[in-house]
Structures are given as C-alpha cells and as structure tokens.
C-alpha cells in the first residue's frame, strides 16, 4: 500500500510522511508553515518527487484529525479531503494525540511506560490522553492539569513519559515530586512524526476504519473561541 500522511494539527508546524510498498519511507517537517496550504502542497510534491513517486499513485491518505489548532486542522483536513476526493481514495483520520503518543513512544518509550501526549488547549487546560505499549488507557479529553495528575497518580506503572507542547505551560504541574516513586520523563519539544502518522493510518485501514473524503471531518473536543463568543452574544432560547 502506498500511503501519504499529513499533519497540521499542532502550532509548531506541519509534518508529511510517505510509505510505499517498495519499502521506501520518508518524511518532512515544515516549521511554522502549517497555515499556508500552497507551501504544504509544494512540500508534498517535493517529497514524492524525491522518491520518484507521484500523487496519483497514493492508495491511502492519512491525516491528524485533532484535537489541536482549529486553523491548523482546517488546513490539513481540507488538503487531504481535496486530494482524496480528486483521486477517489480512502482516508485514515488518526487522532492527533494518538499520533503524538506513537512518536514519543518510538523515541523514548518501552512496554512498561505510560505515554501521555499533551497539547496546549489554552485557558489553563490541555488536550491529553494516556497510552501504554501503543494501547489507549484513557480517551482524548479536554481537562485541567490537576485532573490529569489525579488520573495518573493511581496507576501502577513506574515510568511516565509526557510529550507535547502542553508541557511548555504546565511543566511544574507534572514534576517528579507529584508522582513519588515513579520515573518521570519529559519531551515538550515532541511533535507528530509524518511516518508515525502514516503507520497509525495503515493500522486503522487494516481494521476497516478508513473513511471516504466525504465522511472525513476533524475531531474537536471544544468549540472554537469564535463559536463560543457568538453563542454568548446569541444564546439559545429553550
């Protein structure tokens, strides 16, 4: 299967991954370019060309579907939806936190480590989930750091790996002192790997979880600030 993966869900930039059935694997990152669709498409073309491939040969598209930046998600989802629709190919909509956890696990995880991907959700909150050995322990959630600490404190695992930009604002909330007896590691710089995203998408497709371009949509754990302000100005009447 020939696969192209695109992530624009994080504020730090974009990631592209490509996996081909002839064994070729490659990825690219674009720091700060997530909001420029033309740059994203140019990067996709450059990556495929470097491998001697063309977009028409892709069998499956993968995209980080959220949670994450509302603007970034719209760019990534829109780009993949357009490509998949034009070529009549399926899409694997991979949860962003799952792809981030897979990236962190590949870099610094083991079978006994709890991997906790966190994305800054602003307003004193994080988008977070919990994984162990690639299996989900706790679902994606929009929560305060203290809520996440309570969830992790009762776990028996001896090592916790926190990953993602949620650590940049709330690192002290997850210090080693909060988890006595556990080894705590941090990767605040971690972002989604294009290849990790592609591999996760391939696994989803193998389970029959791919969707059509028409069915593709982003995963939002909360309403955008613009939507919230609009509802405040125009409250519903029961």
C-alpha atoms as a PDB file:
ATOM      1  CA  UNK A   1       0.000   0.000   0.000  1.00  0.00           C
ATOM      2  CA  UNK A   2       1.248   3.476  -0.916  1.00  0.00           C
ATOM      3  CA  UNK A   3       0.450   5.991   1.813  1.00  0.00           C
ATOM      4  CA  UNK A   4       0.704   9.749   2.252  1.00  0.00           C
ATOM      5  CA  UNK A   5       0.255  11.307   5.705  1.00  0.00           C
ATOM      6  CA  UNK A   6      -0.206  14.977   6.577  1.00  0.00           C
ATOM      7  CA  UNK A   7      -0.323  16.688   9.978  1.00  0.00           C
ATOM      8  CA  UNK A   8      -1.060  20.360  10.559  1.00  0.00           C
ATOM      9  CA  UNK A   9      -2.812  19.988  13.907  1.00  0.00           C
ATOM     10  CA  UNK A  10      -0.091  21.500  16.110  1.00  0.00           C
ATOM     11  CA  UNK A  11       1.023  25.103  16.340  1.00  0.00           C
ATOM     12  CA  UNK A  12       4.672  24.256  15.706  1.00  0.00           C
ATOM     13  CA  UNK A  13       4.320  23.422  12.005  1.00  0.00           C
ATOM     14  CA  UNK A  14       3.415  20.663   9.587  1.00  0.00           C
ATOM     15  CA  UNK A  15       4.617  17.097   9.086  1.00  0.00           C
ATOM     16  CA  UNK A  16       4.437  14.921   5.972  1.00  0.00           C
ATOM     17  CA  UNK A  17       5.154  11.210   5.760  1.00  0.00           C
ATOM     18  CA  UNK A  18       5.180   8.788   2.832  1.00  0.00           C
ATOM     19  CA  UNK A  19       5.332   4.985   2.901  1.00  0.00           C
ATOM     20  CA  UNK A  20       5.452   2.874  -0.262  1.00  0.00           C
ATOM     21  CA  UNK A  21       5.023  -0.827  -0.895  1.00  0.00           C
ATOM     22  CA  UNK A  22       8.501  -0.967  -2.454  1.00  0.00           C
ATOM     23  CA  UNK A  23       9.973  -0.246   1.005  1.00  0.00           C
ATOM     24  CA  UNK A  24      10.651   3.468   0.593  1.00  0.00           C
ATOM     25  CA  UNK A  25       9.838   5.615   3.626  1.00  0.00           C
ATOM     26  CA  UNK A  26      10.435   9.352   4.034  1.00  0.00           C
ATOM     27  CA  UNK A  27       9.166  12.344   5.962  1.00  0.00           C
ATOM     28  CA  UNK A  28       9.463  16.118   6.011  1.00  0.00           C
ATOM     29  CA  UNK A  29       8.638  18.847   8.513  1.00  0.00           C
ATOM     30  CA  UNK A  30       7.692  22.457   7.834  1.00  0.00           C
ATOM     31  CA  UNK A  31       8.242  24.682  10.842  1.00  0.00           C
ATOM     32  CA  UNK A  32       5.653  27.429  11.024  1.00  0.00           C
ATOM     33  CA  UNK A  33       4.165  26.679   7.573  1.00  0.00           C
ATOM     34  CA  UNK A  34       1.011  24.883   8.699  1.00  0.00           C
ATOM     35  CA  UNK A  35      -1.302  27.746   7.689  1.00  0.00           C
ATOM     36  CA  UNK A  36      -0.048  28.012   4.130  1.00  0.00           C
ATOM     37  CA  UNK A  37      -1.804  25.420   2.012  1.00  0.00           C
ATOM     38  CA  UNK A  38       0.252  26.240  -1.088  1.00  0.00           C
ATOM     39  CA  UNK A  39       3.516  25.597   0.800  1.00  0.00           C
ATOM     40  CA  UNK A  40       2.099  22.366   2.157  1.00  0.00           C
ATOM     41  CA  UNK A  41       1.174  21.074  -1.291  1.00  0.00           C
ATOM     42  CA  UNK A  42       4.562  22.105  -2.658  1.00  0.00           C
ATOM     43  CA  UNK A  43       6.271  20.176   0.132  1.00  0.00           C
ATOM     44  CA  UNK A  44       4.162  17.101  -0.637  1.00  0.00           C
ATOM     45  CA  UNK A  45       5.143  17.304  -4.296  1.00  0.00           C
ATOM     46  CA  UNK A  46       8.833  17.729  -3.416  1.00  0.00           C
ATOM     47  CA  UNK A  47       8.777  14.733  -1.069  1.00  0.00           C
ATOM     48  CA  UNK A  48       7.088  12.472  -3.601  1.00  0.00           C
ATOM     49  CA  UNK A  49       9.402  13.641  -6.391  1.00  0.00           C
ATOM     50  CA  UNK A  50      12.460  12.855  -4.252  1.00  0.00           C
ATOM     51  CA  UNK A  51      11.213   9.260  -4.101  1.00  0.00           C
ATOM     52  CA  UNK A  52      10.343   9.075  -7.774  1.00  0.00           C
ATOM     53  CA  UNK A  53       6.618   8.950  -6.971  1.00  0.00           C
ATOM     54  CA  UNK A  54       3.510  10.913  -7.959  1.00  0.00           C
ATOM     55  CA  UNK A  55       0.359  11.776  -6.047  1.00  0.00           C
ATOM     56  CA  UNK A  56      -1.720   9.609  -8.380  1.00  0.00           C
ATOM     57  CA  UNK A  57      -0.007   6.520  -7.014  1.00  0.00           C
ATOM     58  CA  UNK A  58      -1.255   7.025  -3.455  1.00  0.00           C
ATOM     59  CA  UNK A  59      -3.669   4.349  -2.208  1.00  0.00           C
ATOM     60  CA  UNK A  60      -4.410   5.784   1.252  1.00  0.00           C
ATOM     61  CA  UNK A  61      -4.265   9.265   2.723  1.00  0.00           C
ATOM     62  CA  UNK A  62      -3.744   9.795   6.457  1.00  0.00           C
ATOM     63  CA  UNK A  63      -4.350  12.977   8.416  1.00  0.00           C
ATOM     64  CA  UNK A  64      -4.029  14.021  12.045  1.00  0.00           C
ATOM     65  CA  UNK A  65      -7.679  14.793  12.708  1.00  0.00           C
ATOM     66  CA  UNK A  66      -7.468  16.551  16.070  1.00  0.00           C
ATOM     67  CA  UNK A  67      -7.703  17.755  18.680  1.00  0.00           C
ATOM     68  CA  UNK A  68      -5.400  20.668  18.020  1.00  0.00           C
ATOM     69  CA  UNK A  69      -5.276  24.125  16.485  1.00  0.00           C
ATOM     70  CA  UNK A  70      -8.596  24.978  14.826  1.00  0.00           C
ATOM     71  CA  UNK A  71      -6.842  26.828  11.998  1.00  0.00           C
ATOM     72  CA  UNK A  72      -4.248  24.105  11.515  1.00  0.00           C
ATOM     73  CA  UNK A  73      -6.831  21.326  11.489  1.00  0.00           C
ATOM     74  CA  UNK A  74      -8.866  23.097   8.829  1.00  0.00           C
ATOM     75  CA  UNK A  75      -5.826  23.329   6.564  1.00  0.00           C
ATOM     76  CA  UNK A  76      -4.806  19.689   6.975  1.00  0.00           C
ATOM     77  CA  UNK A  77      -8.309  18.259   6.755  1.00  0.00           C
ATOM     78  CA  UNK A  78      -9.150  20.441   3.766  1.00  0.00           C
ATOM     79  CA  UNK A  79      -5.969  19.492   1.909  1.00  0.00           C
ATOM     80  CA  UNK A  80      -6.388  15.763   2.455  1.00  0.00           C
ATOM     81  CA  UNK A  81     -10.104  15.876   1.720  1.00  0.00           C
ATOM     82  CA  UNK A  82      -9.409  17.574  -1.608  1.00  0.00           C
ATOM     83  CA  UNK A  83      -6.679  15.129  -2.627  1.00  0.00           C
ATOM     84  CA  UNK A  84      -8.625  12.050  -1.563  1.00  0.00           C
ATOM     85  CA  UNK A  85     -11.795  13.237  -3.280  1.00  0.00           C
ATOM     86  CA  UNK A  86      -9.983  14.010  -6.530  1.00  0.00           C
ATOM     87  CA  UNK A  87      -8.349  10.570  -6.609  1.00  0.00           C
ATOM     88  CA  UNK A  88     -11.256   8.606  -5.137  1.00  0.00           C
ATOM     89  CA  UNK A  89      -9.074   7.210  -2.331  1.00  0.00           C
ATOM     90  CA  UNK A  90      -9.867   6.457   1.329  1.00  0.00           C
ATOM     91  CA  UNK A  91      -8.618   8.425   4.326  1.00  0.00           C
ATOM     92  CA  UNK A  92      -7.465   7.346   7.774  1.00  0.00           C
ATOM     93  CA  UNK A  93      -8.369  10.098  10.248  1.00  0.00           C
ATOM     94  CA  UNK A  94      -5.847   9.488  13.029  1.00  0.00           C
ATOM     95  CA  UNK A  95      -6.422  11.191  16.405  1.00  0.00           C
ATOM     96  CA  UNK A  96      -3.637  13.747  16.871  1.00  0.00           C
ATOM     97  CA  UNK A  97      -2.891  12.616  20.428  1.00  0.00           C
ATOM     98  CA  UNK A  98      -2.537   9.017  19.248  1.00  0.00           C
ATOM     99  CA  UNK A  99      -0.024  10.055  16.586  1.00  0.00           C
ATOM    100  CA  UNK A 100       1.872  12.198  19.104  1.00  0.00           C
ATOM    101  CA  UNK A 101       1.985   9.291  21.558  1.00  0.00           C
ATOM    102  CA  UNK A 102       3.276   6.950  18.853  1.00  0.00           C
ATOM    103  CA  UNK A 103       6.031   9.412  18.000  1.00  0.00           C
ATOM    104  CA  UNK A 104       7.087   9.797  21.640  1.00  0.00           C
ATOM    105  CA  UNK A 105       6.936   6.034  22.243  1.00  0.00           C
ATOM    106  CA  UNK A 106       9.238   5.377  19.285  1.00  0.00           C
ATOM    107  CA  UNK A 107      11.730   7.928  20.619  1.00  0.00           C
ATOM    108  CA  UNK A 108      11.793   7.130  24.332  1.00  0.00           C
ATOM    109  CA  UNK A 109       9.195   4.553  25.320  1.00  0.00           C
ATOM    110  CA  UNK A 110       9.042   0.933  26.395  1.00  0.00           C
ATOM    111  CA  UNK A 111       6.281  -1.560  27.147  1.00  0.00           C
ATOM    112  CA  UNK A 112       6.105  -0.533  30.807  1.00  0.00           C
ATOM    113  CA  UNK A 113       5.929   3.240  30.225  1.00  0.00           C
ATOM    114  CA  UNK A 114       2.780   5.312  30.364  1.00  0.00           C
ATOM    115  CA  UNK A 115       2.930   7.721  27.435  1.00  0.00           C
ATOM    116  CA  UNK A 116       0.945  10.910  27.996  1.00  0.00           C
ATOM    117  CA  UNK A 117       0.630  13.169  24.923  1.00  0.00           C
ATOM    118  CA  UNK A 118      -0.486  16.705  25.740  1.00  0.00           C
ATOM    119  CA  UNK A 119      -1.458  19.602  23.501  1.00  0.00           C
ATOM    120  CA  UNK A 120      -1.855  23.093  24.922  1.00  0.00           C
ATOM    121  CA  UNK A 121      -5.592  23.835  24.872  1.00  0.00           C
ATOM    122  CA  UNK A 122      -5.149  27.308  26.409  1.00  0.00           C
ATOM    123  CA  UNK A 123      -7.378  28.725  29.155  1.00  0.00           C
ATOM    124  CA  UNK A 124      -5.477  26.666  31.726  1.00  0.00           C
ATOM    125  CA  UNK A 125      -6.300  23.345  30.093  1.00  0.00           C
ATOM    126  CA  UNK A 126      -4.713  20.622  27.966  1.00  0.00           C
ATOM    127  CA  UNK A 127      -5.907  18.120  25.393  1.00  0.00           C
ATOM    128  CA  UNK A 128      -4.500  14.843  26.689  1.00  0.00           C
ATOM    129  CA  UNK A 129      -4.763  11.058  26.577  1.00  0.00           C
ATOM    130  CA  UNK A 130      -2.883   8.115  28.101  1.00  0.00           C
ATOM    131  CA  UNK A 131      -1.311   5.151  26.290  1.00  0.00           C
ATOM    132  CA  UNK A 132       0.729   2.092  27.217  1.00  0.00           C
ATOM    133  CA  UNK A 133       2.553  -0.053  24.662  1.00  0.00           C
ATOM    134  CA  UNK A 134       0.538   1.603  21.915  1.00  0.00           C
ATOM    135  CA  UNK A 135      -2.802   0.796  23.551  1.00  0.00           C
ATOM    136  CA  UNK A 136      -5.125   3.529  24.730  1.00  0.00           C
ATOM    137  CA  UNK A 137      -5.625   3.654  28.521  1.00  0.00           C
ATOM    138  CA  UNK A 138      -7.602   6.906  28.733  1.00  0.00           C
ATOM    139  CA  UNK A 139      -9.570   8.641  25.957  1.00  0.00           C
ATOM    140  CA  UNK A 140      -8.838  12.044  24.471  1.00  0.00           C
ATOM    141  CA  UNK A 141     -10.051  14.711  26.868  1.00  0.00           C
ATOM    142  CA  UNK A 142     -10.058  18.464  27.419  1.00  0.00           C
ATOM    143  CA  UNK A 143      -9.022  18.860  31.054  1.00  0.00           C
ATOM    144  CA  UNK A 144      -7.157  20.849  33.662  1.00  0.00           C
ATOM    145  CA  UNK A 145      -3.642  19.634  34.537  1.00  0.00           C
ATOM    146  CA  UNK A 146      -4.813  18.688  38.030  1.00  0.00           C
ATOM    147  CA  UNK A 147      -7.411  16.312  36.573  1.00  0.00           C
ATOM    148  CA  UNK A 148      -4.727  14.547  34.571  1.00  0.00           C
ATOM    149  CA  UNK A 149      -2.490  14.272  37.643  1.00  0.00           C
ATOM    150  CA  UNK A 150      -5.314  12.543  39.533  1.00  0.00           C
ATOM    151  CA  UNK A 151      -5.780  10.040  36.701  1.00  0.00           C
ATOM    152  CA  UNK A 152      -2.080   9.171  36.594  1.00  0.00           C
ATOM    153  CA  UNK A 153      -1.471   9.111  40.347  1.00  0.00           C
ATOM    154  CA  UNK A 154      -3.445   5.910  40.775  1.00  0.00           C
ATOM    155  CA  UNK A 155      -1.597   3.979  38.082  1.00  0.00           C
ATOM    156  CA  UNK A 156       0.871   1.238  38.992  1.00  0.00           C
ATOM    157  CA  UNK A 157       3.338   1.850  36.146  1.00  0.00           C
ATOM    158  CA  UNK A 158       6.730   3.068  37.368  1.00  0.00           C
ATOM    159  CA  UNK A 159       7.566   5.356  34.449  1.00  0.00           C
ATOM    160  CA  UNK A 160       5.599   8.186  32.836  1.00  0.00           C
ATOM    161  CA  UNK A 161       6.634   9.935  29.613  1.00  0.00           C
ATOM    162  CA  UNK A 162       4.968  13.282  28.982  1.00  0.00           C
ATOM    163  CA  UNK A 163       5.178  14.610  25.427  1.00  0.00           C
ATOM    164  CA  UNK A 164       3.951  17.667  23.553  1.00  0.00           C
ATOM    165  CA  UNK A 165       3.616  21.416  23.810  1.00  0.00           C
ATOM    166  CA  UNK A 166       1.173  21.171  26.715  1.00  0.00           C
ATOM    167  CA  UNK A 167       4.272  20.824  28.890  1.00  0.00           C
ATOM    168  CA  UNK A 168       5.525  24.269  27.928  1.00  0.00           C
ATOM    169  CA  UNK A 169       2.882  25.972  30.080  1.00  0.00           C
ATOM    170  CA  UNK A 170       2.239  23.362  32.760  1.00  0.00           C
ATOM    171  CA  UNK A 171       5.553  21.570  33.357  1.00  0.00           C
ATOM    172  CA  UNK A 172       5.546  22.264  37.097  1.00  0.00           C
ATOM    173  CA  UNK A 173       2.142  20.568  37.391  1.00  0.00           C
ATOM    174  CA  UNK A 174       3.762  17.288  36.317  1.00  0.00           C
ATOM    175  CA  UNK A 175       7.043  17.442  38.239  1.00  0.00           C
ATOM    176  CA  UNK A 176       8.587  14.308  39.669  1.00  0.00           C
ATOM    177  CA  UNK A 177       7.560  15.390  43.181  1.00  0.00           C
ATOM    178  CA  UNK A 178       3.916  14.997  42.140  1.00  0.00           C
ATOM    179  CA  UNK A 179       4.500  11.315  41.333  1.00  0.00           C
ATOM    180  CA  UNK A 180       6.618   9.867  44.175  1.00  0.00           C
ATOM    181  CA  UNK A 181       8.211   6.530  43.401  1.00  0.00           C
ATOM    182  CA  UNK A 182       7.878   6.974  39.647  1.00  0.00           C
ATOM    183  CA  UNK A 183      10.397   7.890  36.974  1.00  0.00           C
ATOM    184  CA  UNK A 184       9.104  10.895  35.039  1.00  0.00           C
ATOM    185  CA  UNK A 185      10.452  11.936  31.618  1.00  0.00           C
ATOM    186  CA  UNK A 186       9.585  14.952  29.507  1.00  0.00           C
ATOM    187  CA  UNK A 187       9.583  15.724  25.789  1.00  0.00           C
ATOM    188  CA  UNK A 188       7.976  19.174  25.461  1.00  0.00           C
ATOM    189  CA  UNK A 189       9.552  19.556  22.026  1.00  0.00           C
ATOM    190  CA  UNK A 190       7.839  16.432  20.675  1.00  0.00           C
ATOM    191  CA  UNK A 191       5.714  16.858  17.577  1.00  0.00           C
ATOM    192  CA  UNK A 192       3.918  14.389  15.342  1.00  0.00           C
ATOM    193  CA  UNK A 193       6.165  12.382  13.048  1.00  0.00           C
ATOM    194  CA  UNK A 194       4.897  12.012   9.500  1.00  0.00           C
ATOM    195  CA  UNK A 195       5.970   8.378   9.443  1.00  0.00           C
ATOM    196  CA  UNK A 196       4.339   7.613  12.812  1.00  0.00           C
ATOM    197  CA  UNK A 197       1.156   9.157  11.452  1.00  0.00           C
ATOM    198  CA  UNK A 198       1.377   7.056   8.287  1.00  0.00           C
ATOM    199  CA  UNK A 199       1.931   3.856  10.261  1.00  0.00           C
ATOM    200  CA  UNK A 200      -1.031   4.627  12.520  1.00  0.00           C
ATOM    201  CA  UNK A 201      -3.180   5.261   9.466  1.00  0.00           C
ATOM    202  CA  UNK A 202      -2.146   1.980   7.888  1.00  0.00           C
ATOM    203  CA  UNK A 203      -3.150   0.162  11.074  1.00  0.00           C
ATOM    204  CA  UNK A 204      -6.536   1.891  11.053  1.00  0.00           C
ATOM    205  CA  UNK A 205      -7.131   0.985   7.415  1.00  0.00           C
ATOM    206  CA  UNK A 206      -6.246  -2.654   8.142  1.00  0.00           C
ATOM    207  CA  UNK A 207      -9.024  -2.660  10.748  1.00  0.00           C
ATOM    208  CA  UNK A 208     -11.513  -1.245   8.240  1.00  0.00           C
ATOM    209  CA  UNK A 209     -11.543   2.179   9.909  1.00  0.00           C
ATOM    210  CA  UNK A 210     -10.723   4.313   6.856  1.00  0.00           C
ATOM    211  CA  UNK A 211     -13.395   6.695   5.575  1.00  0.00           C
ATOM    212  CA  UNK A 212     -14.239   8.407   2.309  1.00  0.00           C
ATOM    213  CA  UNK A 213     -13.297  12.002   1.581  1.00  0.00           C
ATOM    214  CA  UNK A 214     -16.932  12.992   2.055  1.00  0.00           C
ATOM    215  CA  UNK A 215     -17.001  11.424   5.524  1.00  0.00           C
ATOM    216  CA  UNK A 216     -13.750  12.985   6.695  1.00  0.00           C
ATOM    217  CA  UNK A 217     -14.079  15.533   9.480  1.00  0.00           C
ATOM    218  CA  UNK A 218     -11.945  16.978  12.256  1.00  0.00           C
ATOM    219  CA  UNK A 219     -12.152  15.863  15.890  1.00  0.00           C
ATOM    220  CA  UNK A 220     -12.918  18.828  18.143  1.00  0.00           C
ATOM    221  CA  UNK A 221     -13.031  18.478  21.928  1.00  0.00           C
ATOM    222  CA  UNK A 222     -14.334  22.007  22.369  1.00  0.00           C
ATOM    223  CA  UNK A 223     -15.877  24.823  20.369  1.00  0.00           C
ATOM    224  CA  UNK A 224     -13.653  27.480  18.863  1.00  0.00           C
ATOM    225  CA  UNK A 225     -13.330  30.823  20.642  1.00  0.00           C
ATOM    226  CA  UNK A 226     -15.235  32.460  17.782  1.00  0.00           C
ATOM    227  CA  UNK A 227     -18.107  29.985  18.140  1.00  0.00           C
ATOM    228  CA  UNK A 228     -18.196  30.466  21.904  1.00  0.00           C
ATOM    229  CA  UNK A 229     -18.303  34.269  21.567  1.00  0.00           C
ATOM    230  CA  UNK A 230     -21.089  34.010  19.014  1.00  0.00           C
ATOM    231  CA  UNK A 231     -23.165  31.804  21.333  1.00  0.00           C
ATOM    232  CA  UNK A 232     -22.609  34.252  24.180  1.00  0.00           C
ATOM    233  CA  UNK A 233     -23.975  37.063  22.037  1.00  0.00           C
ATOM    234  CA  UNK A 234     -26.833  34.943  20.721  1.00  0.00           C
ATOM    235  CA  UNK A 235     -27.854  32.475  23.449  1.00  0.00           C
ATOM    236  CA  UNK A 236     -30.332  29.778  22.555  1.00  0.00           C
ATOM    237  CA  UNK A 237     -33.839  30.106  23.868  1.00  0.00           C
ATOM    238  CA  UNK A 238     -35.475  26.971  25.160  1.00  0.00           C
END
